[in-house]
Amino acid sequence: MLLKGTLSILFIFCFHTSRSQPINLQQLIDTATRYSSLFVNAKPLAVDLEVDRIFLYNEWLYEQKKIRLPDSIFVQLINNSKKVDTSHWTNKELPSFIIVNGKYSQINLQDALNKFPTIDTLKINKYNKANPEDRIVFFFSRPGFDNSKSYAVVRYDNGHSWLMGGGGIKLYHLEGETWREMALLVRWSY
């Protein structure tokens, strides 16, 4: 009887835990990072959406998709983004990228080869020899979600040179079990 009760509690806990986690988080991260370079900065960005700009976010969404979201979704995204984990990215989260500690640090060739045994070592050497401001490094935030976990925002920046680059904040929507990019809510260049 004790075993049956323990199994029931364990099942409820596992079900609740799996339901409280964002559905297919890794697919969302893979979708958000798919157009980046090989090198991603280890420290995630923060998502900086502002409550007083919700009208503009909805206008940009309307321009791109001809839809609007309730303001409450944007408020949830903004509030929940303030709680996003900003600890360093892990190799498990970014399995297809070399994680770098900023544009000024060199890449350890052996670490890169351990992660990607068939990597072209010329790419690593070229990166290491380049001036830091000319290294193409992408920066990403972890996703911030609305309360239903069916909408998410991710901030990115391409970090290429101090004279040329840019970034933005993209909105994603969960369709079935797949995250799809909906709109670019904010965009900047420098």
N, C-alpha and C. Protein backbone atom coordinates (compact mmCIF):
# COMPACT_ATOMS: atom_id res chain seq x y z
N MET A 1 0.83 -1.19 0.00
CA MET A 1 0.00 0.00 0.00
C MET A 1 0.87 1.25 0.00
N LEU A 2 1.94 1.22 0.81
CA LEU A 2 2.86 2.36 0.87
C LEU A 2 3.52 2.58 -0.48
N LEU A 3 3.91 1.48 -1.14
CA LEU A 3 4.55 1.58 -2.46
C LEU A 3 3.59 2.20 -3.48
N LYS A 4 2.33 1.77 -3.45
CA LYS A 4 1.34 2.30 -4.39
C LYS A 4 1.13 3.80 -4.17
N GLY A 5 1.05 4.22 -2.91
CA GLY A 5 0.89 5.64 -2.60
C GLY A 5 2.11 6.45 -3.02
N THR A 6 3.29 5.88 -2.79
CA THR A 6 4.53 6.56 -3.18
C THR A 6 4.60 6.71 -4.69
N LEU A 7 4.24 5.66 -5.42
CA LEU A 7 4.24 5.72 -6.89
C LEU A 7 3.25 6.76 -7.40
N SER A 8 2.09 6.85 -6.75
CA SER A 8 1.09 7.84 -7.15
C SER A 8 1.61 9.26 -6.96
N ILE A 9 2.24 9.50 -5.82
CA ILE A 9 2.80 10.82 -5.54
C ILE A 9 3.92 11.13 -6.53
N LEU A 10 4.77 10.14 -6.81
CA LEU A 10 5.87 10.33 -7.77
C LEU A 10 5.33 10.65 -9.15
N PHE A 11 4.27 9.93 -9.58
CA PHE A 11 3.66 10.18 -10.88
C PHE A 11 3.10 11.60 -10.95
N ILE A 12 2.39 12.02 -9.93
CA ILE A 12 1.82 13.38 -9.91
C ILE A 12 2.93 14.41 -9.94
N PHE A 13 3.99 14.19 -9.15
CA PHE A 13 5.12 15.13 -9.14
C PHE A 13 5.77 15.22 -10.52
N CYS A 14 6.03 14.06 -11.15
CA CYS A 14 6.67 14.05 -12.48
C CYS A 14 5.77 14.72 -13.52
N PHE A 15 4.47 14.43 -13.46
CA PHE A 15 3.53 15.04 -14.40
C PHE A 15 3.50 16.55 -14.22
N HIS A 16 3.41 16.99 -12.96
CA HIS A 16 3.37 18.42 -12.69
C HIS A 16 4.67 19.10 -13.10
N THR A 17 5.81 18.46 -12.81
CA THR A 17 7.10 19.04 -13.16
C THR A 17 7.24 19.16 -14.67
N SER A 18 6.84 18.12 -15.40
CA SER A 18 6.97 18.17 -16.85
C SER A 18 6.02 19.21 -17.44
N ARG A 19 4.87 19.42 -16.82
CA ARG A 19 3.92 20.41 -17.31
C ARG A 19 4.35 21.82 -16.96
N SER A 20 5.11 21.99 -15.89
CA SER A 20 5.52 23.33 -15.50
C SER A 20 6.73 23.80 -16.30
N GLN A 21 7.44 22.88 -16.95
CA GLN A 21 8.58 23.24 -17.77
C GLN A 21 8.08 23.63 -19.16
N PRO A 22 8.76 24.57 -19.82
CA PRO A 22 8.36 24.93 -21.18
C PRO A 22 8.46 23.72 -22.10
N ILE A 23 7.46 23.57 -22.94
CA ILE A 23 7.44 22.46 -23.87
C ILE A 23 8.56 22.65 -24.89
N ASN A 24 9.36 21.63 -25.05
CA ASN A 24 10.41 21.59 -26.07
C ASN A 24 11.33 22.81 -26.02
N LEU A 25 11.88 23.07 -24.86
CA LEU A 25 12.78 24.21 -24.66
C LEU A 25 13.99 24.14 -25.59
N GLN A 26 14.56 22.95 -25.77
CA GLN A 26 15.75 22.84 -26.61
C GLN A 26 15.43 23.20 -28.05
N GLN A 27 14.25 22.82 -28.55
CA GLN A 27 13.88 23.17 -29.92
C GLN A 27 13.73 24.68 -30.06
N LEU A 28 13.23 25.35 -29.02
CA LEU A 28 13.12 26.81 -29.05
C LEU A 28 14.51 27.45 -29.10
N ILE A 29 15.43 26.96 -28.27
CA ILE A 29 16.79 27.50 -28.28
C ILE A 29 17.43 27.25 -29.65
N ASP A 30 17.25 26.05 -30.20
CA ASP A 30 17.81 25.74 -31.52
C ASP A 30 17.22 26.64 -32.60
N THR A 31 15.93 26.92 -32.52
CA THR A 31 15.28 27.81 -33.50
C THR A 31 15.82 29.23 -33.38
N ALA A 32 15.99 29.70 -32.16
CA ALA A 32 16.45 31.08 -31.94
C ALA A 32 17.90 31.27 -32.35
N THR A 33 18.71 30.23 -32.30
CA THR A 33 20.15 30.36 -32.59
C THR A 33 20.55 29.87 -33.97
N ARG A 34 19.61 29.44 -34.78
CA ARG A 34 19.96 28.74 -36.02
C ARG A 34 20.73 29.58 -37.04
N TYR A 35 20.62 30.88 -37.04
CA TYR A 35 21.31 31.70 -38.04
C TYR A 35 22.56 32.38 -37.49
N SER A 36 23.08 31.87 -36.40
CA SER A 36 24.24 32.51 -35.80
C SER A 36 25.53 31.87 -36.30
N SER A 37 26.64 32.49 -35.92
CA SER A 37 27.94 31.94 -36.28
C SER A 37 28.25 30.76 -35.36
N LEU A 38 29.41 30.18 -35.54
CA LEU A 38 29.84 29.05 -34.74
C LEU A 38 30.09 29.44 -33.29
N PHE A 39 30.35 30.72 -33.03
CA PHE A 39 30.78 31.17 -31.72
C PHE A 39 29.66 31.94 -31.00
N VAL A 40 29.34 31.50 -29.79
CA VAL A 40 28.30 32.14 -28.98
C VAL A 40 28.91 32.53 -27.64
N ASN A 41 28.60 33.75 -27.21
CA ASN A 41 29.12 34.24 -25.94
C ASN A 41 28.54 33.44 -24.77
N ALA A 42 29.39 33.11 -23.80
CA ALA A 42 29.00 32.27 -22.68
C ALA A 42 27.93 32.91 -21.79
N LYS A 43 27.99 34.22 -21.62
CA LYS A 43 27.05 34.91 -20.72
C LYS A 43 25.81 35.32 -21.51
N PRO A 44 24.64 34.80 -21.13
CA PRO A 44 23.42 35.18 -21.84
C PRO A 44 23.07 36.65 -21.64
N LEU A 45 22.38 37.21 -22.60
CA LEU A 45 21.86 38.57 -22.49
C LEU A 45 20.61 38.56 -21.62
N ALA A 46 20.22 39.74 -21.18
CA ALA A 46 18.92 39.92 -20.54
C ALA A 46 17.93 40.37 -21.60
N VAL A 47 16.67 40.06 -21.42
CA VAL A 47 15.63 40.50 -22.36
C VAL A 47 15.10 41.83 -21.85
N ASP A 48 15.24 42.87 -22.64
CA ASP A 48 14.84 44.21 -22.21
C ASP A 48 13.63 44.71 -22.99
N LEU A 49 12.47 44.19 -22.65
CA LEU A 49 11.22 44.73 -23.19
C LEU A 49 10.67 45.70 -22.15
N GLU A 50 9.94 46.72 -22.64
CA GLU A 50 9.44 47.75 -21.73
C GLU A 50 7.92 47.84 -21.81
N VAL A 51 7.29 47.97 -20.66
CA VAL A 51 5.83 48.04 -20.59
C VAL A 51 5.29 49.21 -21.39
N ASP A 52 5.98 50.35 -21.35
CA ASP A 52 5.45 51.52 -22.06
C ASP A 52 5.61 51.43 -23.58
N ARG A 53 6.17 50.34 -24.07
CA ARG A 53 6.32 50.15 -25.52
C ARG A 53 5.43 49.03 -26.06
N ILE A 54 4.52 48.51 -25.25
CA ILE A 54 3.65 47.41 -25.68
C ILE A 54 2.88 47.77 -26.95
N PHE A 55 2.40 49.01 -27.03
CA PHE A 55 1.68 49.44 -28.23
C PHE A 55 2.55 49.25 -29.47
N LEU A 56 3.83 49.64 -29.38
CA LEU A 56 4.74 49.49 -30.52
C LEU A 56 5.02 48.03 -30.84
N TYR A 57 5.18 47.19 -29.83
CA TYR A 57 5.40 45.76 -30.08
C TYR A 57 4.23 45.17 -30.85
N ASN A 58 3.01 45.55 -30.45
CA ASN A 58 1.83 45.04 -31.14
C ASN A 58 1.73 45.60 -32.55
N GLU A 59 2.15 46.84 -32.75
CA GLU A 59 2.14 47.41 -34.10
C GLU A 59 3.13 46.67 -35.01
N TRP A 60 4.32 46.40 -34.49
CA TRP A 60 5.32 45.67 -35.30
C TRP A 60 4.86 44.25 -35.58
N LEU A 61 4.20 43.62 -34.60
CA LEU A 61 3.64 42.30 -34.82
C LEU A 61 2.57 42.36 -35.90
N TYR A 62 1.73 43.39 -35.85
CA TYR A 62 0.68 43.53 -36.85
C TYR A 62 1.27 43.75 -38.24
N GLU A 63 2.31 44.57 -38.34
CA GLU A 63 2.96 44.81 -39.64
C GLU A 63 3.50 43.52 -40.23
N GLN A 64 4.01 42.62 -39.38
CA GLN A 64 4.65 41.41 -39.88
C GLN A 64 3.68 40.24 -40.06
N LYS A 65 2.68 40.12 -39.20
CA LYS A 65 1.79 38.95 -39.22
C LYS A 65 0.31 39.28 -39.31
N LYS A 66 -0.03 40.55 -39.29
CA LYS A 66 -1.43 40.99 -39.36
C LYS A 66 -2.27 40.45 -38.21
N ILE A 67 -1.62 40.31 -37.05
CA ILE A 67 -2.34 39.91 -35.83
C ILE A 67 -1.87 40.78 -34.67
N ARG A 68 -2.67 40.80 -33.65
CA ARG A 68 -2.31 41.50 -32.41
C ARG A 68 -2.50 40.52 -31.26
N LEU A 69 -1.73 40.73 -30.21
CA LEU A 69 -1.86 39.93 -29.00
C LEU A 69 -2.45 40.81 -27.90
N PRO A 70 -3.14 40.20 -26.95
CA PRO A 70 -3.61 40.99 -25.80
C PRO A 70 -2.40 41.59 -25.07
N ASP A 71 -2.57 42.81 -24.58
CA ASP A 71 -1.49 43.45 -23.83
C ASP A 71 -1.02 42.59 -22.67
N SER A 72 -1.93 41.80 -22.10
CA SER A 72 -1.57 40.96 -20.96
C SER A 72 -0.47 39.95 -21.31
N ILE A 73 -0.44 39.47 -22.55
CA ILE A 73 0.62 38.54 -22.97
C ILE A 73 1.96 39.25 -22.93
N PHE A 74 2.01 40.48 -23.43
CA PHE A 74 3.26 41.24 -23.41
C PHE A 74 3.69 41.56 -21.98
N VAL A 75 2.73 41.89 -21.13
CA VAL A 75 3.07 42.17 -19.72
C VAL A 75 3.67 40.92 -19.08
N GLN A 76 3.08 39.76 -19.35
CA GLN A 76 3.62 38.51 -18.80
C GLN A 76 5.03 38.24 -19.34
N LEU A 77 5.23 38.44 -20.64
CA LEU A 77 6.57 38.24 -21.23
C LEU A 77 7.59 39.17 -20.58
N ILE A 78 7.19 40.41 -20.38
CA ILE A 78 8.10 41.40 -19.77
C ILE A 78 8.43 41.01 -18.34
N ASN A 79 7.40 40.73 -17.55
CA ASN A 79 7.62 40.37 -16.14
C ASN A 79 8.41 39.08 -15.97
N ASN A 80 8.07 38.06 -16.76
CA ASN A 80 8.75 36.77 -16.65
C ASN A 80 10.17 36.82 -17.19
N SER A 81 10.44 37.72 -18.12
CA SER A 81 11.80 37.85 -18.66
C SER A 81 12.77 38.39 -17.63
N LYS A 82 12.24 39.09 -16.64
CA LYS A 82 13.11 39.63 -15.58
C LYS A 82 13.64 38.51 -14.67
N LYS A 83 13.03 37.33 -14.76
CA LYS A 83 13.41 36.21 -13.91
C LYS A 83 14.20 35.14 -14.67
N VAL A 84 14.57 35.41 -15.92
CA VAL A 84 15.24 34.41 -16.75
C VAL A 84 16.65 34.15 -16.21
N ASP A 85 17.04 32.90 -16.27
CA ASP A 85 18.37 32.46 -15.83
C ASP A 85 19.44 33.14 -16.70
N THR A 86 20.39 33.80 -16.07
CA THR A 86 21.48 34.43 -16.81
C THR A 86 22.84 33.81 -16.47
N SER A 87 22.82 32.59 -15.89
CA SER A 87 24.09 31.90 -15.69
C SER A 87 24.64 31.47 -17.05
N HIS A 88 25.92 31.18 -17.11
CA HIS A 88 26.56 30.88 -18.39
C HIS A 88 25.87 29.73 -19.12
N TRP A 89 25.87 29.83 -20.46
CA TRP A 89 25.34 28.76 -21.30
C TRP A 89 26.15 27.49 -21.06
N THR A 90 25.51 26.35 -21.25
CA THR A 90 26.21 25.07 -21.12
C THR A 90 26.32 24.42 -22.50
N ASN A 91 27.25 23.49 -22.63
CA ASN A 91 27.40 22.75 -23.89
C ASN A 91 26.16 21.94 -24.20
N LYS A 92 25.44 21.51 -23.17
CA LYS A 92 24.21 20.75 -23.39
C LYS A 92 23.14 21.63 -24.04
N GLU A 93 23.06 22.90 -23.62
CA GLU A 93 22.07 23.82 -24.18
C GLU A 93 22.44 24.24 -25.60
N LEU A 94 23.74 24.40 -25.85
CA LEU A 94 24.22 24.86 -27.16
C LEU A 94 25.17 23.82 -27.76
N PRO A 95 24.66 22.65 -28.11
CA PRO A 95 25.54 21.57 -28.57
C PRO A 95 26.20 21.83 -29.92
N SER A 96 25.68 22.75 -30.72
CA SER A 96 26.22 22.99 -32.06
C SER A 96 27.15 24.19 -32.13
N PHE A 97 27.50 24.76 -30.98
CA PHE A 97 28.29 25.99 -30.97
C PHE A 97 29.50 25.87 -30.04
N ILE A 98 30.48 26.70 -30.32
CA ILE A 98 31.61 26.85 -29.42
C ILE A 98 31.27 28.03 -28.52
N ILE A 99 31.27 27.80 -27.24
CA ILE A 99 30.93 28.84 -26.27
C ILE A 99 32.22 29.57 -25.91
N VAL A 100 32.20 30.90 -26.08
CA VAL A 100 33.39 31.71 -25.82
C VAL A 100 33.13 32.65 -24.65
N ASN A 101 34.19 33.00 -23.95
CA ASN A 101 34.08 33.91 -22.81
C ASN A 101 34.39 35.33 -23.25
N GLY A 102 33.56 35.86 -24.12
CA GLY A 102 33.75 37.22 -24.61
C GLY A 102 34.66 37.27 -25.82
N LYS A 103 34.62 38.38 -26.49
CA LYS A 103 35.38 38.55 -27.73
C LYS A 103 36.88 38.66 -27.50
N TYR A 104 37.28 38.94 -26.27
CA TYR A 104 38.70 39.14 -26.00
C TYR A 104 39.43 37.87 -25.57
N SER A 105 38.71 36.80 -25.35
CA SER A 105 39.39 35.57 -24.92
C SER A 105 39.61 34.65 -26.12
N GLN A 106 40.70 33.92 -26.04
CA GLN A 106 41.06 32.95 -27.07
C GLN A 106 40.26 31.67 -26.88
N ILE A 107 40.13 30.92 -27.95
CA ILE A 107 39.48 29.62 -27.88
C ILE A 107 40.56 28.57 -27.70
N ASN A 108 40.37 27.69 -26.74
CA ASN A 108 41.28 26.59 -26.54
C ASN A 108 41.01 25.55 -27.63
N LEU A 109 42.00 25.32 -28.48
CA LEU A 109 41.84 24.41 -29.62
C LEU A 109 41.47 23.00 -29.15
N GLN A 110 42.09 22.53 -28.08
CA GLN A 110 41.81 21.18 -27.60
C GLN A 110 40.37 21.06 -27.11
N ASP A 111 39.86 22.08 -26.43
CA ASP A 111 38.46 22.05 -25.99
C ASP A 111 37.52 21.99 -27.19
N ALA A 112 37.84 22.77 -28.23
CA ALA A 112 37.01 22.76 -29.44
C ALA A 112 37.04 21.39 -30.11
N LEU A 113 38.21 20.78 -30.15
CA LEU A 113 38.33 19.45 -30.76
C LEU A 113 37.63 18.38 -29.93
N ASN A 114 37.62 18.55 -28.61
CA ASN A 114 36.89 17.60 -27.76
C ASN A 114 35.40 17.65 -28.04
N LYS A 115 34.88 18.85 -28.30
CA LYS A 115 33.45 18.99 -28.58
C LYS A 115 33.13 18.63 -30.02
N PHE A 116 34.00 19.03 -30.95
CA PHE A 116 33.80 18.78 -32.38
C PHE A 116 35.06 18.13 -32.96
N PRO A 117 35.17 16.82 -32.87
CA PRO A 117 36.40 16.14 -33.32
C PRO A 117 36.77 16.40 -34.79
N THR A 118 35.77 16.71 -35.62
CA THR A 118 36.07 16.92 -37.05
C THR A 118 36.10 18.40 -37.44
N ILE A 119 36.18 19.29 -36.47
CA ILE A 119 36.15 20.73 -36.78
C ILE A 119 37.39 21.13 -37.57
N ASP A 120 37.19 22.07 -38.45
CA ASP A 120 38.30 22.63 -39.22
C ASP A 120 39.10 23.53 -38.27
N THR A 121 40.29 23.12 -37.93
CA THR A 121 41.11 23.89 -36.98
C THR A 121 41.48 25.26 -37.52
N LEU A 122 41.39 25.43 -38.85
CA LEU A 122 41.67 26.75 -39.42
C LEU A 122 40.67 27.79 -38.93
N LYS A 123 39.41 27.38 -38.71
CA LYS A 123 38.39 28.31 -38.19
C LYS A 123 38.77 28.82 -36.81
N ILE A 124 39.25 27.91 -35.98
CA ILE A 124 39.64 28.29 -34.62
C ILE A 124 40.86 29.21 -34.66
N ASN A 125 41.85 28.83 -35.47
CA ASN A 125 43.07 29.64 -35.57
C ASN A 125 42.76 31.02 -36.15
N LYS A 126 41.87 31.07 -37.14
CA LYS A 126 41.48 32.36 -37.73
C LYS A 126 40.79 33.24 -36.69
N TYR A 127 39.90 32.62 -35.91
CA TYR A 127 39.21 33.35 -34.84
C TYR A 127 40.23 33.89 -33.84
N ASN A 128 41.15 33.04 -33.39
CA ASN A 128 42.13 33.45 -32.38
C ASN A 128 43.07 34.55 -32.88
N LYS A 129 43.38 34.55 -34.17
CA LYS A 129 44.31 35.55 -34.73
C LYS A 129 43.62 36.88 -35.06
N ALA A 130 42.30 36.85 -35.18
CA ALA A 130 41.56 38.08 -35.54
C ALA A 130 41.59 39.07 -34.38
N ASN A 131 41.52 40.36 -34.73
CA ASN A 131 41.37 41.39 -33.70
C ASN A 131 40.03 41.13 -33.00
N PRO A 132 39.99 41.30 -31.68
CA PRO A 132 38.74 41.01 -30.95
C PRO A 132 37.52 41.72 -31.54
N GLU A 133 37.68 42.96 -31.98
CA GLU A 133 36.52 43.67 -32.51
C GLU A 133 36.04 43.12 -33.86
N ASP A 134 36.87 42.29 -34.50
CA ASP A 134 36.48 41.68 -35.77
C ASP A 134 36.00 40.24 -35.63
N ARG A 135 35.94 39.74 -34.44
CA ARG A 135 35.46 38.37 -34.22
C ARG A 135 33.94 38.35 -34.26
N ILE A 136 33.41 37.41 -35.01
CA ILE A 136 31.95 37.31 -35.11
C ILE A 136 31.47 36.40 -33.98
N VAL A 137 30.89 37.02 -32.98
CA VAL A 137 30.36 36.30 -31.82
C VAL A 137 28.89 36.67 -31.68
N PHE A 138 28.05 35.67 -31.48
CA PHE A 138 26.64 35.94 -31.24
C PHE A 138 26.36 35.89 -29.75
N PHE A 139 25.41 36.69 -29.34
CA PHE A 139 24.97 36.78 -27.96
C PHE A 139 23.48 36.48 -27.96
N PHE A 140 23.03 35.64 -27.01
CA PHE A 140 21.62 35.30 -26.92
C PHE A 140 21.17 35.33 -25.47
N SER A 141 19.89 35.60 -25.28
CA SER A 141 19.28 35.43 -23.97
C SER A 141 18.66 34.05 -23.93
N ARG A 142 18.42 33.57 -22.74
CA ARG A 142 17.54 32.42 -22.63
C ARG A 142 16.11 32.93 -22.83
N PRO A 143 15.20 32.07 -23.24
CA PRO A 143 13.83 32.54 -23.52
C PRO A 143 13.11 33.02 -22.27
N GLY A 144 12.28 34.04 -22.46
CA GLY A 144 11.33 34.49 -21.46
C GLY A 144 9.95 34.10 -21.96
N PHE A 145 9.09 33.57 -21.11
CA PHE A 145 7.80 33.02 -21.52
C PHE A 145 6.64 33.80 -20.93
N ASP A 146 5.48 33.69 -21.58
CA ASP A 146 4.25 34.17 -20.97
C ASP A 146 3.81 33.10 -19.96
N ASN A 147 2.76 33.35 -19.22
CA ASN A 147 2.33 32.42 -18.17
C ASN A 147 1.87 31.08 -18.71
N SER A 148 1.31 31.05 -19.91
CA SER A 148 0.84 29.78 -20.48
C SER A 148 1.97 29.02 -21.15
N LYS A 149 3.13 29.64 -21.28
CA LYS A 149 4.31 29.06 -21.93
C LYS A 149 4.04 28.72 -23.39
N SER A 150 3.16 29.50 -24.02
CA SER A 150 2.91 29.31 -25.45
C SER A 150 3.51 30.44 -26.29
N TYR A 151 4.00 31.49 -25.63
CA TYR A 151 4.72 32.58 -26.29
C TYR A 151 6.06 32.75 -25.58
N ALA A 152 7.07 33.11 -26.36
CA ALA A 152 8.40 33.31 -25.77
C ALA A 152 9.10 34.44 -26.52
N VAL A 153 10.03 35.09 -25.84
CA VAL A 153 10.87 36.10 -26.46
C VAL A 153 12.33 35.73 -26.21
N VAL A 154 13.17 36.03 -27.22
CA VAL A 154 14.61 35.80 -27.12
C VAL A 154 15.30 37.03 -27.69
N ARG A 155 16.28 37.52 -26.94
CA ARG A 155 17.08 38.65 -27.41
C ARG A 155 18.37 38.11 -28.02
N TYR A 156 18.81 38.74 -29.11
CA TYR A 156 20.06 38.34 -29.74
C TYR A 156 20.85 39.58 -30.13
N ASP A 157 22.13 39.41 -30.31
CA ASP A 157 23.01 40.46 -30.82
C ASP A 157 24.14 39.75 -31.54
N ASN A 158 24.53 40.26 -32.70
CA ASN A 158 25.56 39.54 -33.44
C ASN A 158 26.98 39.97 -33.07
N GLY A 159 27.14 41.06 -32.34
CA GLY A 159 28.43 41.41 -31.79
C GLY A 159 29.56 41.51 -32.79
N HIS A 160 29.28 41.80 -34.05
CA HIS A 160 30.34 41.87 -35.05
C HIS A 160 30.87 43.29 -35.14
N SER A 161 32.08 43.49 -34.67
CA SER A 161 32.77 44.77 -34.73
C SER A 161 32.03 45.82 -33.91
N TRP A 162 32.73 46.87 -33.60
CA TRP A 162 32.10 47.97 -32.87
C TRP A 162 31.43 48.93 -33.85
N LEU A 163 31.70 48.79 -35.14
CA LEU A 163 31.15 49.70 -36.13
C LEU A 163 30.01 49.08 -36.92
N MET A 164 29.91 47.77 -36.91
CA MET A 164 28.88 47.12 -37.70
C MET A 164 28.31 45.95 -36.91
N GLY A 165 27.05 45.94 -36.70
CA GLY A 165 26.41 44.85 -35.99
C GLY A 165 24.99 45.23 -35.65
N GLY A 166 24.37 44.40 -34.89
CA GLY A 166 23.00 44.69 -34.50
C GLY A 166 22.36 43.52 -33.81
N GLY A 167 21.13 43.72 -33.43
CA GLY A 167 20.41 42.67 -32.75
C GLY A 167 18.94 42.99 -32.67
N GLY A 168 18.26 42.27 -31.81
CA GLY A 168 16.83 42.49 -31.66
C GLY A 168 16.24 41.54 -30.64
N ILE A 169 14.94 41.62 -30.52
CA ILE A 169 14.18 40.72 -29.67
C ILE A 169 13.08 40.10 -30.53
N LYS A 170 13.10 38.76 -30.59
CA LYS A 170 12.13 38.05 -31.42
C LYS A 170 11.07 37.39 -30.56
N LEU A 171 9.87 37.33 -31.12
CA LEU A 171 8.73 36.68 -30.48
C LEU A 171 8.51 35.33 -31.14
N TYR A 172 8.31 34.30 -30.31
CA TYR A 172 8.06 32.94 -30.79
C TYR A 172 6.73 32.46 -30.26
N HIS A 173 6.11 31.54 -31.02
CA HIS A 173 4.83 30.96 -30.62
C HIS A 173 4.93 29.45 -30.73
N LEU A 174 4.38 28.76 -29.74
CA LEU A 174 4.36 27.30 -29.74
C LEU A 174 3.16 26.84 -30.55
N GLU A 175 3.43 26.13 -31.63
CA GLU A 175 2.38 25.59 -32.50
C GLU A 175 2.48 24.08 -32.43
N GLY A 176 1.54 23.45 -31.74
CA GLY A 176 1.64 22.01 -31.49
C GLY A 176 2.80 21.78 -30.54
N GLU A 177 3.84 21.12 -31.02
CA GLU A 177 5.04 20.92 -30.22
C GLU A 177 6.25 21.62 -30.82
N THR A 178 6.00 22.55 -31.75
CA THR A 178 7.08 23.23 -32.45
C THR A 178 7.03 24.73 -32.22
N TRP A 179 8.17 25.30 -31.87
CA TRP A 179 8.27 26.75 -31.70
C TRP A 179 8.55 27.39 -33.05
N ARG A 180 7.77 28.42 -33.38
CA ARG A 180 7.93 29.14 -34.64
C ARG A 180 8.16 30.62 -34.35
N GLU A 181 9.04 31.21 -35.14
CA GLU A 181 9.27 32.65 -35.01
C GLU A 181 8.04 33.39 -35.53
N MET A 182 7.54 34.31 -34.71
CA MET A 182 6.37 35.10 -35.10
C MET A 182 6.76 36.46 -35.65
N ALA A 183 7.62 37.17 -34.92
CA ALA A 183 7.90 38.54 -35.31
C ALA A 183 9.17 39.05 -34.64
N LEU A 184 9.74 40.05 -35.25
CA LEU A 184 10.84 40.79 -34.66
C LEU A 184 10.22 41.99 -33.97
N LEU A 185 10.22 41.99 -32.63
CA LEU A 185 9.56 43.05 -31.87
C LEU A 185 10.40 44.29 -31.74
N VAL A 186 11.70 44.11 -31.67
CA VAL A 186 12.64 45.23 -31.51
C VAL A 186 13.84 44.91 -32.39
N ARG A 187 14.40 45.95 -32.98
CA ARG A 187 15.58 45.77 -33.81
C ARG A 187 16.50 46.97 -33.65
N TRP A 188 17.80 46.72 -33.62
CA TRP A 188 18.77 47.81 -33.55
C TRP A 188 20.00 47.46 -34.37
N SER A 189 20.72 48.47 -34.73
CA SER A 189 21.99 48.29 -35.43
C SER A 189 22.97 49.34 -34.96
N TYR A 190 24.23 49.02 -35.11
CA TYR A 190 25.29 49.96 -34.74
C TYR A 190 26.50 49.73 -35.60
